[in-house]
Protein backbone atom coordinates (compact mmCIF):
# COMPACT_ATOMS: atom_id res chain seq x y z
CA MET A 1 -69.01 52.33 40.94
CA SER A 2 -65.51 51.35 41.91
CA TYR A 3 -64.04 47.90 41.58
CA ASP A 4 -63.29 47.92 45.36
CA ARG A 5 -66.99 47.98 46.20
CA PHE A 6 -67.48 44.65 44.43
CA LEU A 7 -64.60 43.12 46.39
CA LEU A 8 -65.52 44.44 49.83
CA PRO A 9 -68.69 42.37 50.56
CA GLY A 10 -67.00 39.16 49.53
CA PHE A 11 -63.95 39.98 51.62
CA ILE A 12 -66.11 40.67 54.72
CA ALA A 13 -67.96 37.42 54.24
CA CYS A 14 -64.71 35.47 54.02
CA VAL A 15 -63.39 37.10 57.19
CA LEU A 16 -66.58 36.31 59.13
CA THR A 17 -66.56 32.74 57.94
CA PHE A 18 -62.91 32.35 59.01
CA ILE A 19 -63.66 33.85 62.46
CA GLY A 20 -66.55 31.47 62.95
CA PHE A 21 -64.44 28.50 61.95
CA ALA A 22 -61.64 29.58 64.25
CA GLN A 23 -64.07 29.84 67.21
CA ALA A 24 -65.67 26.48 66.51
CA ALA A 25 -62.59 24.44 65.79
CA PRO A 26 -60.35 23.58 68.74
CA ALA A 27 -56.80 24.82 68.31
CA PRO A 28 -54.31 22.01 67.93
CA THR A 29 -51.91 21.62 70.82
CA ALA A 30 -48.35 22.15 69.61
CA ALA A 31 -45.65 20.06 71.18
CA ALA A 32 -43.10 22.11 73.06
CA PRO A 33 -39.91 22.44 71.06
CA THR A 34 -37.10 20.31 72.38
CA ASN A 35 -33.39 20.36 71.89
CA PRO A 36 -32.26 16.78 72.29
CA ALA A 37 -29.16 16.58 74.40
CA ARG A 38 -26.04 15.21 72.80
CA PRO A 39 -25.39 11.69 74.10
CA THR A 40 -22.91 11.78 76.95
CA THR A 41 -19.61 10.13 76.13
CA VAL A 42 -18.32 8.18 79.09
CA GLU A 43 -14.69 9.07 79.65
CA PRO A 44 -12.52 5.96 79.43
CA ASN A 45 -9.27 5.44 81.28
CA VAL A 46 -6.78 7.68 79.47
CA SER A 47 -3.22 8.85 79.99
CA TRP A 48 -2.88 12.66 79.85
CA HIS A 49 0.00 14.60 78.28
CA ASP A 50 0.48 18.37 78.86
CA VAL A 51 1.45 19.95 75.51
CA THR A 52 3.49 22.69 77.18
CA THR A 53 6.08 20.04 78.10
CA TRP A 54 7.12 19.69 74.46
CA GLY A 55 5.75 22.79 72.72
CA VAL A 56 3.45 23.90 69.93
CA GLU A 57 4.16 25.27 66.48
CA GLY A 58 2.95 28.74 65.54
CA ARG A 59 4.29 30.12 68.84
CA ALA A 60 7.07 32.49 67.84
CA PHE A 61 9.62 34.56 69.78
CA GLY A 62 11.56 31.72 71.35
CA ASP A 63 12.23 32.11 75.05
CA LEU A 64 11.02 35.69 75.41
CA LYS A 65 8.90 36.03 78.54
CA ARG A 66 5.12 35.76 78.10
CA GLN A 67 2.24 36.75 80.30
CA ARG A 68 0.43 33.53 79.33
CA TRP A 69 2.02 30.44 77.77
CA PHE A 70 -0.33 30.38 74.76
CA ASP A 71 -0.12 34.12 73.95
CA ARG A 72 1.04 34.84 70.39
CA PHE A 73 3.06 37.89 71.42
CA PRO A 74 5.68 38.05 74.18
CA ALA A 75 5.18 40.27 77.21
CA ILE A 76 7.30 43.08 75.70
CA ALA A 77 4.47 43.70 73.20
CA ASP A 78 2.11 44.85 75.95
CA GLY A 79 2.19 48.64 75.78
CA HIS A 80 4.22 48.62 72.56
CA VAL A 81 1.49 47.55 70.15
CA THR A 82 -1.99 49.06 70.38
CA PRO A 83 -4.27 47.77 73.17
CA ALA A 84 -6.53 46.17 70.55
CA VAL A 85 -3.67 44.28 68.90
CA TRP A 86 -2.36 43.18 72.29
CA GLU A 87 -5.75 41.81 73.34
CA LEU A 88 -6.16 39.98 70.03
CA SER A 89 -2.67 38.50 70.40
CA ARG A 90 -3.98 36.48 73.35
CA ASP A 91 -5.86 34.28 70.86
CA SER A 92 -4.09 31.06 69.90
CA ALA A 93 -4.72 31.41 66.14
CA GLY A 94 -2.22 29.42 64.09
CA MET A 95 -0.87 27.28 66.92
CA MET A 96 -0.65 23.54 66.32
CA VAL A 97 0.70 20.64 68.37
CA ARG A 98 2.05 17.39 66.89
CA PHE A 99 2.49 13.91 68.33
CA GLN A 100 2.65 10.23 67.36
CA THR A 101 0.44 7.53 68.79
CA ASP A 102 -1.15 4.21 67.98
CA SER A 103 -4.02 4.84 70.37
CA SER A 104 -7.50 3.95 69.12
CA LEU A 105 -8.90 7.05 70.82
CA ILE A 106 -7.78 10.64 71.36
CA TRP A 107 -9.16 13.01 73.98
CA ALA A 108 -8.45 16.65 74.85
CA ASP A 109 -8.70 18.52 78.12
CA TYR A 110 -8.39 22.29 77.74
CA THR A 111 -9.49 25.55 79.30
CA LEU A 112 -10.30 28.61 77.23
CA LEU A 113 -9.37 32.19 78.06
CA ARG A 114 -12.86 33.62 77.51
CA GLU A 115 -16.35 32.40 78.33
CA ARG A 116 -17.73 33.61 74.98
CA LEU A 117 -17.25 30.78 72.51
CA ASN A 118 -17.81 32.58 69.19
CA GLY A 119 -18.89 35.73 67.40
CA VAL A 120 -21.76 36.14 64.97
CA ASN A 121 -19.75 35.07 61.94
CA MET A 122 -17.80 32.19 63.52
CA THR A 123 -18.77 28.72 64.67
CA PRO A 124 -17.88 27.71 68.24
CA ILE A 125 -15.70 25.00 66.69
CA GLY A 126 -13.78 27.54 64.59
CA ALA A 127 -13.45 30.17 67.29
CA SER A 128 -12.92 28.00 70.36
CA GLY A 129 -12.58 24.40 69.21
CA LEU A 130 -9.73 22.05 68.40
CA ASP A 131 -9.16 20.48 64.98
CA LEU A 132 -7.48 17.07 64.65
CA TYR A 133 -5.55 15.89 61.58
CA ALA A 134 -3.43 12.80 60.89
CA ARG A 135 -0.98 11.72 58.21
CA ASP A 136 -2.31 8.92 56.03
CA ASP A 137 -0.21 6.05 54.64
CA ALA A 138 0.98 8.33 51.82
CA GLY A 139 2.15 10.96 54.29
CA GLU A 140 -0.64 13.44 53.45
CA TRP A 141 -2.48 15.35 56.15
CA ARG A 142 -6.14 14.26 56.43
CA TRP A 143 -8.88 15.55 58.69
CA VAL A 144 -9.99 13.33 61.61
CA GLY A 145 -12.21 15.15 64.12
CA VAL A 146 -12.96 18.26 66.19
CA ALA A 147 -13.68 19.39 69.72
CA ARG A 148 -17.14 20.92 70.06
CA PRO A 149 -16.87 23.37 72.97
CA GLU A 150 -19.94 24.16 75.04
CA LYS A 151 -18.27 26.01 77.91
CA LYS A 152 -14.93 27.44 78.98
CA GLU A 153 -13.65 24.17 80.44
CA VAL A 154 -13.63 21.46 77.77
CA ARG A 155 -12.89 17.77 78.29
CA VAL A 156 -13.91 15.93 75.15
CA GLN A 157 -13.28 13.01 72.86
CA LEU A 158 -11.76 14.08 69.54
CA ALA A 159 -11.85 10.64 67.91
CA ASN A 160 -12.32 6.98 68.74
CA GLN A 161 -12.33 3.59 66.98
CA LEU A 162 -9.28 4.72 65.02
CA ALA A 163 -7.69 2.26 62.61
CA PRO A 164 -4.75 0.37 64.13
CA GLY A 165 -1.28 1.74 63.50
CA LEU A 166 1.27 4.26 64.68
CA ARG A 167 0.78 7.61 62.94
CA GLU A 168 1.49 11.32 63.29
CA TYR A 169 -1.29 13.61 64.47
CA ALA A 170 -1.67 17.38 64.63
CA ILE A 171 -4.17 19.45 66.62
CA TYR A 172 -4.92 23.05 65.62
CA LEU A 173 -5.80 25.35 68.51
CA PRO A 174 -8.70 27.86 68.63
CA LEU A 175 -8.69 30.79 66.22
CA TYR A 176 -10.64 33.43 68.14
CA ASN A 177 -10.10 32.45 71.76
CA GLY A 178 -7.11 31.94 73.97
CA VAL A 179 -6.04 28.76 75.71
CA GLU A 180 -5.05 28.52 79.37
CA LYS A 181 -4.06 24.85 79.35
CA LEU A 182 -4.20 21.87 76.99
CA SER A 183 -3.55 18.17 77.55
CA ILE A 184 -4.00 15.26 75.15
CA GLY A 185 -5.41 11.97 76.36
CA VAL A 186 -4.72 8.54 74.84
CA ASP A 187 -5.08 4.89 75.77
CA PRO A 188 -2.62 4.21 78.64
CA LEU A 189 -1.41 1.05 76.89
CA SER A 190 -0.67 2.85 73.62
CA GLN A 191 2.56 4.38 72.37
CA PHE A 192 2.74 8.15 72.65
CA THR A 193 5.62 10.28 71.37
CA PRO A 194 5.53 14.08 71.65
CA LEU A 195 6.84 15.78 68.49
CA ALA A 196 8.70 18.99 69.25
CA PRO A 197 8.02 22.02 67.05
CA ARG A 198 9.91 21.88 63.78
CA THR A 199 12.95 24.11 63.58
CA ASP A 200 12.50 25.13 59.94
CA LYS A 201 12.05 28.82 59.24
CA PRO A 202 8.29 29.55 59.30
CA ILE A 203 6.05 31.33 56.84
CA VAL A 204 4.93 34.41 58.78
CA PHE A 205 1.53 35.94 57.98
CA TYR A 206 0.66 39.43 59.18
CA GLY A 207 -2.90 40.46 58.44
CA THR A 208 -6.49 41.14 59.41
CA SER A 209 -9.50 39.18 60.62
CA ILE A 210 -9.20 36.99 57.54
CA THR A 211 -5.67 35.92 58.45
CA HIS A 212 -6.89 35.61 62.05
CA GLY A 213 -9.34 32.98 60.77
CA ALA A 214 -12.73 34.57 60.16
CA SER A 215 -14.82 32.78 59.10
CA ALA A 216 -13.37 29.28 58.86
CA SER A 217 -15.69 26.56 60.16
CA ARG A 218 -12.80 24.98 62.07
CA PRO A 219 -9.20 25.98 62.88
CA GLY A 220 -7.58 23.81 60.22
CA MET A 221 -9.50 25.49 57.39
CA VAL A 222 -7.96 28.98 57.52
CA HIS A 223 -5.65 29.50 54.54
CA THR A 224 -2.55 29.80 56.73
CA ALA A 225 -3.16 26.28 58.07
CA ILE A 226 -3.99 24.89 54.62
CA LEU A 227 -0.74 26.29 53.22
CA GLY A 228 1.20 24.95 56.19
CA ARG A 229 -0.03 21.45 55.36
CA ARG A 230 0.60 21.84 51.64
CA PHE A 231 4.18 23.00 52.16
CA ASP A 232 4.66 20.75 55.20
CA ARG A 233 6.15 23.74 56.96
CA SER A 234 5.51 25.62 60.18
CA VAL A 235 3.55 28.88 59.96
CA ILE A 236 3.07 31.85 62.25
CA ASN A 237 -0.36 33.48 62.20
CA LEU A 238 -0.26 37.15 63.22
CA GLY A 239 -3.74 38.09 62.07
CA PHE A 240 -5.49 40.73 64.18
CA SER A 241 -9.18 41.17 63.56
CA GLY A 242 -9.90 44.73 62.41
CA ASN A 243 -6.36 45.76 63.34
CA GLY A 244 -3.99 44.55 60.63
CA ARG A 245 -2.70 47.97 59.56
CA MET A 246 1.00 47.67 58.70
CA ASP A 247 1.94 49.10 62.09
CA ALA A 248 5.60 49.78 62.76
CA ALA A 249 5.18 48.40 66.29
CA VAL A 250 4.12 45.05 64.84
CA GLY A 251 7.02 45.36 62.39
CA ASP A 252 9.39 45.52 65.38
CA LEU A 253 8.05 42.14 66.50
CA LEU A 254 8.09 40.65 63.01
CA ASN A 255 11.80 41.48 62.91
CA LYS A 256 12.35 39.21 65.91
CA ILE A 257 11.20 36.19 63.86
CA ASP A 258 13.70 34.49 61.54
CA ALA A 259 11.13 33.87 58.80
CA ALA A 260 11.33 31.92 55.57
CA VAL A 261 8.86 34.40 54.05
CA TYR A 262 6.91 37.38 55.36
CA VAL A 263 3.36 37.67 53.97
CA ILE A 264 1.87 41.16 54.47
CA ASP A 265 -1.90 40.96 53.98
CA CYS A 266 -3.31 44.06 55.67
CA LEU A 267 -5.29 45.87 52.97
CA PRO A 268 -8.80 44.84 54.16
CA ASN A 269 -8.19 47.06 57.22
CA MET A 270 -6.69 50.00 55.31
CA ASP A 271 -7.63 52.59 52.71
CA ALA A 272 -5.46 53.75 49.83
CA GLY A 273 -4.05 56.68 51.79
CA ALA A 274 -2.96 54.44 54.68
CA VAL A 275 -1.40 51.98 52.24
CA ARG A 276 0.71 54.73 50.66
CA GLU A 277 1.69 56.02 54.09
CA LYS A 278 2.66 52.73 55.75
CA CYS A 279 3.55 50.06 53.20
CA ILE A 280 6.98 51.29 52.08
CA PRO A 281 8.17 52.05 55.64
CA LEU A 282 7.12 48.58 56.82
CA VAL A 283 8.89 46.81 53.96
CA ASN A 284 12.04 48.88 54.54
CA GLN A 285 11.82 48.12 58.25
CA LEU A 286 11.76 44.39 57.51
CA ARG A 287 14.39 44.60 54.80
CA THR A 288 16.84 46.44 57.07
CA ALA A 289 16.75 43.61 59.61
CA HIS A 290 16.38 40.78 57.07
CA PRO A 291 18.18 41.74 53.85
CA THR A 292 17.35 38.58 51.90
CA THR A 293 14.09 37.25 53.36
CA PRO A 294 11.31 37.24 50.73
CA ILE A 295 8.42 39.62 51.39
CA VAL A 296 5.02 39.01 49.79
CA LEU A 297 2.54 41.88 49.44
CA VAL A 298 -1.10 40.83 49.09
CA GLU A 299 -3.92 42.91 47.66
CA ASP A 300 -7.21 42.73 49.53
CA ARG A 301 -9.82 40.29 48.27
CA ARG A 302 -12.81 41.81 46.58
CA CYS A 303 -15.91 41.58 48.73
CA SER A 304 -18.20 39.07 47.10
CA ASN A 305 -20.98 41.64 46.63
CA SER A 306 -18.76 44.41 45.25
CA TRP A 307 -19.94 43.51 41.74
CA ILE A 308 -23.25 45.19 42.58
CA GLN A 309 -21.95 47.93 44.92
CA PRO A 310 -19.91 50.42 42.87
CA ASN A 311 -18.53 52.32 45.86
CA LYS A 312 -17.15 49.13 47.39
CA ASP A 313 -15.70 48.06 44.06
CA GLN A 314 -13.97 51.43 43.69
CA PHE A 315 -12.55 51.08 47.20
CA HIS A 316 -10.88 47.83 46.13
CA ASN A 317 -9.65 49.43 42.91
CA ASP A 318 -8.06 52.29 44.86
CA ASN A 319 -6.48 49.97 47.42
CA HIS A 320 -5.03 47.71 44.75
CA ALA A 321 -3.62 50.66 42.83
CA ALA A 322 -1.99 52.04 45.99
CA LEU A 323 -0.31 48.73 46.85
CA ARG A 324 0.88 48.23 43.27
CA GLU A 325 2.31 51.75 43.33
CA CYS A 326 4.21 50.98 46.55
CA PHE A 327 5.49 47.69 45.13
CA GLU A 328 6.82 49.40 42.00
CA LYS A 329 8.44 52.21 44.01
CA LEU A 330 10.17 49.67 46.25
CA GLN A 331 11.48 47.78 43.22
CA THR A 332 12.67 50.99 41.58
CA SER A 333 14.51 51.94 44.78
CA GLY A 334 16.43 48.67 44.62
CA VAL A 335 14.57 46.55 47.18
CA THR A 336 14.81 42.92 46.07
CA GLY A 337 13.04 39.74 47.08
CA LEU A 338 9.57 41.24 46.73
CA PHE A 339 6.57 39.24 45.54
CA TYR A 340 3.02 40.35 44.73
CA ILE A 341 -0.35 38.59 44.94
CA PRO A 342 -3.30 40.27 43.14
CA GLY A 343 -6.58 40.23 45.04
CA ASP A 344 -9.23 39.92 42.34
CA ASP A 345 -9.30 36.12 42.30
CA LEU A 346 -8.42 35.35 45.91
CA LEU A 347 -11.98 34.19 46.69
CA GLY A 348 -13.05 33.21 43.17
CA SER A 349 -15.34 35.02 40.77
CA ASP A 350 -18.75 33.46 41.55
CA ALA A 351 -19.50 35.42 44.78
CA GLU A 352 -19.76 32.14 46.73
CA GLY A 353 -16.51 32.43 48.67
CA THR A 354 -17.60 34.36 51.77
CA ILE A 355 -19.91 33.99 54.72
CA ASP A 356 -20.92 37.67 54.88
CA GLY A 357 -19.51 39.33 51.77
CA SER A 358 -16.17 40.03 53.45
CA HIS A 359 -14.88 37.02 55.38
CA PRO A 360 -14.12 33.76 53.56
CA ASN A 361 -16.03 30.59 54.17
CA ASP A 362 -14.15 27.29 53.80
CA LEU A 363 -14.50 27.45 50.02
CA GLY A 364 -13.04 30.95 50.03
CA PHE A 365 -10.10 29.90 52.18
CA LEU A 366 -9.33 26.97 49.89
CA ARG A 367 -9.40 29.30 46.89
CA GLN A 368 -7.19 31.81 48.67
CA ALA A 369 -4.66 29.08 49.45
CA ASP A 370 -4.74 27.99 45.79
CA VAL A 371 -3.92 31.52 44.62
CA MET A 372 -1.19 32.09 47.19
CA ALA A 373 0.54 28.71 46.87
CA PRO A 374 2.47 29.26 43.60
CA ILE A 375 3.73 32.69 44.70
CA LEU A 376 4.85 31.32 48.06
CA ARG A 377 6.48 28.37 46.34
CA ALA A 378 8.50 30.75 44.17
CA ALA A 379 9.42 32.86 47.18
CA LEU A 380 10.54 29.83 49.17
CA ALA A 381 12.59 28.64 46.23
CA GLY A 382 14.28 32.02 45.91
CA GLY A 383 12.72 32.73 42.54
CA SER A 384 12.19 36.10 40.95
CA SER A 385 9.36 38.39 41.99
């Protein structure tokens, strides 16, 4: 006699008892789920200031004609770079506007390029929101508030009840959406001084979705923005999601920027063969036009789950070896002003630095900035590679 035969009668009895109880007992009525609406903020009387009248940082290429004011690339890029890169260049990643005010409140009125506010691995605030910072009494940049977009047209309070005093503010624009227009609103009785974009040579980043900003929770948390604040220097973000591939066409546009440093961070979108094919030509392309500008080559980060996926780990090993090989060949050929950032520790070693194994979360971006900062500091100072 099997053990199952002893269990079966008891099991049937339990089921019948449960059915009887379910028929006799009235089902509780569940309250319909509700999503409480965010309290409506009544718009006060504010004075509006159109940022295009004084300019934003992170918008390179000077007076070259653009199809849209907030495009990252000028119009000449359309048809020169790939269609994917061109479309991604319409995003305002890396742009930032500065101003001074003693207003106790700050509002923003802006219109986005696209209806879709975010992708699966981005917050609406990071992809389509605004991020407000201010300098404290010690002159350090500190976070203040964000715009939480809910539709394409956004008119929202960024901060109110601000401590009295005249201070400098900065607003980072959306990472994964474009902007059609942007105005800043302040108390009409307050002081307001637009701050024109700084004229220092920028740090120029060319890279992938990570440079583009995936998956920072808000625009000020991508490593390019963090490093811009740390060095108190303007930056240009030329990250193109899935399409940072050391393209010569993008190199033509990089050459039009008088950079303090070029940071080439394309390996997450390339394999070892593509690295060997395209890295040396891109560096030589930049070096021909800019004989002394430092160039930083960055290995790809290791995906945070590569420790348990041998094929993925080997992919990183091969990519790193290919980039190191190119770096050494360039040095041997006499190219100077080269710097190198290993990728193994870009996101840390505890596997907690990404949102999806590939794209950094805020912790990962902070760690990446920490690793990059000393190399960039040496490059900016004209140190040895």
